[in-house]
Protein backbone atom coordinates (compact mmCIF):
# COMPACT_ATOMS: atom_id res chain seq x y z
CA MET A 1 -9.52 -3.29 24.53
CA GLU A 2 -6.71 -5.78 24.66
CA ILE A 3 -4.52 -6.15 21.56
CA ASP A 4 -3.59 -9.76 20.99
CA ALA A 5 -0.87 -11.09 18.71
CA GLU A 6 -3.21 -11.62 15.74
CA LEU A 7 -4.53 -8.07 15.83
CA ARG A 8 -0.98 -6.75 16.22
CA ARG A 9 0.05 -8.73 13.11
CA GLN A 10 -2.90 -7.36 11.12
CA ILE A 11 -2.10 -3.79 12.14
CA THR A 12 1.60 -4.16 11.31
CA VAL A 13 1.04 -5.72 7.89
CA SER A 14 -1.60 -3.15 6.96
CA LEU A 15 0.59 -0.23 8.08
CA LEU A 16 3.52 -1.58 6.08
CA ALA A 17 1.36 -1.85 2.96
CA ALA A 18 0.12 1.71 3.47
CA ALA A 19 3.71 2.90 3.99
CA VAL A 20 4.69 1.33 0.66
CA PHE A 21 1.84 3.23 -1.01
CA ILE A 22 2.86 6.53 0.59
CA ALA A 23 6.49 5.96 -0.40
CA GLY A 24 5.29 5.36 -3.96
CA LEU A 25 3.32 8.61 -3.91
CA VAL A 26 6.36 10.51 -2.67
CA GLY A 27 8.52 8.83 -5.32
CA ILE A 28 6.12 9.83 -8.09
CA GLY A 29 5.97 13.36 -6.72
CA VAL A 30 9.74 13.66 -6.63
CA THR A 31 10.23 12.09 -10.04
CA PHE A 32 7.45 13.86 -11.94
CA GLY A 33 6.92 16.93 -9.76
CA GLY A 34 8.40 20.36 -10.16
CA SER A 35 5.61 21.92 -12.18
CA SER A 36 2.03 22.85 -11.46
CA GLU A 37 0.71 19.89 -13.47
CA LEU A 38 1.46 16.19 -13.45
CA PRO A 39 2.75 15.11 -16.88
CA GLU A 40 1.11 12.25 -18.75
CA SER A 41 3.84 9.78 -17.80
CA GLY A 42 3.40 10.75 -14.15
CA ALA A 43 -0.34 10.21 -14.39
CA ILE A 44 0.22 6.74 -15.83
CA ALA A 45 2.65 5.99 -13.00
CA LEU A 46 0.05 7.16 -10.48
CA VAL A 47 -2.64 4.93 -11.99
CA GLY A 48 -0.18 2.02 -11.93
CA LEU A 49 0.60 2.74 -8.29
CA LEU A 50 -3.08 2.78 -7.39
CA ALA A 51 -3.70 -0.50 -9.22
CA GLY A 52 -0.67 -2.03 -7.54
CA PHE A 53 -1.90 -0.87 -4.14
CA VAL A 54 -5.31 -2.47 -4.69
CA LEU A 55 -3.63 -5.75 -5.65
CA LEU A 56 -1.23 -5.49 -2.70
CA MET A 57 -4.11 -5.00 -0.26
CA ALA A 58 -5.92 -7.99 -1.78
CA LEU A 59 -2.80 -10.11 -1.25
CA VAL A 60 -2.41 -8.79 2.29
CA GLY A 61 -6.03 -9.69 3.02
CA ALA A 62 -5.55 -13.19 1.62
CA TYR A 63 -2.37 -13.61 3.67
CA LEU A 64 -4.08 -12.51 6.86
CA ILE A 65 -7.03 -14.83 6.28
CA ARG A 66 -4.71 -17.79 5.66
CA ALA A 67 -2.54 -16.91 8.65
CA ASN A 68 -5.66 -16.77 10.83
CA ASP A 69 -6.91 -20.15 9.53
CA GLY A 70 -3.57 -21.81 10.29
CA GLU A 71 -3.78 -21.05 13.99
């Protein structure tokens, strides 16, 4: 299978969005970790991160659709 420029762009943008999510998970773990349980403030941060990731992926999808239509 040949990877063209459009597919390469989609892969790159999606991997960057996933890397931001993983960095957020690590940041929450470092900030709120250290015990066997996640404190309430850490749980709220995790829910916020998940909601932000869903919105980020929606924006990435919209960007990729618009970028594909422009070509």
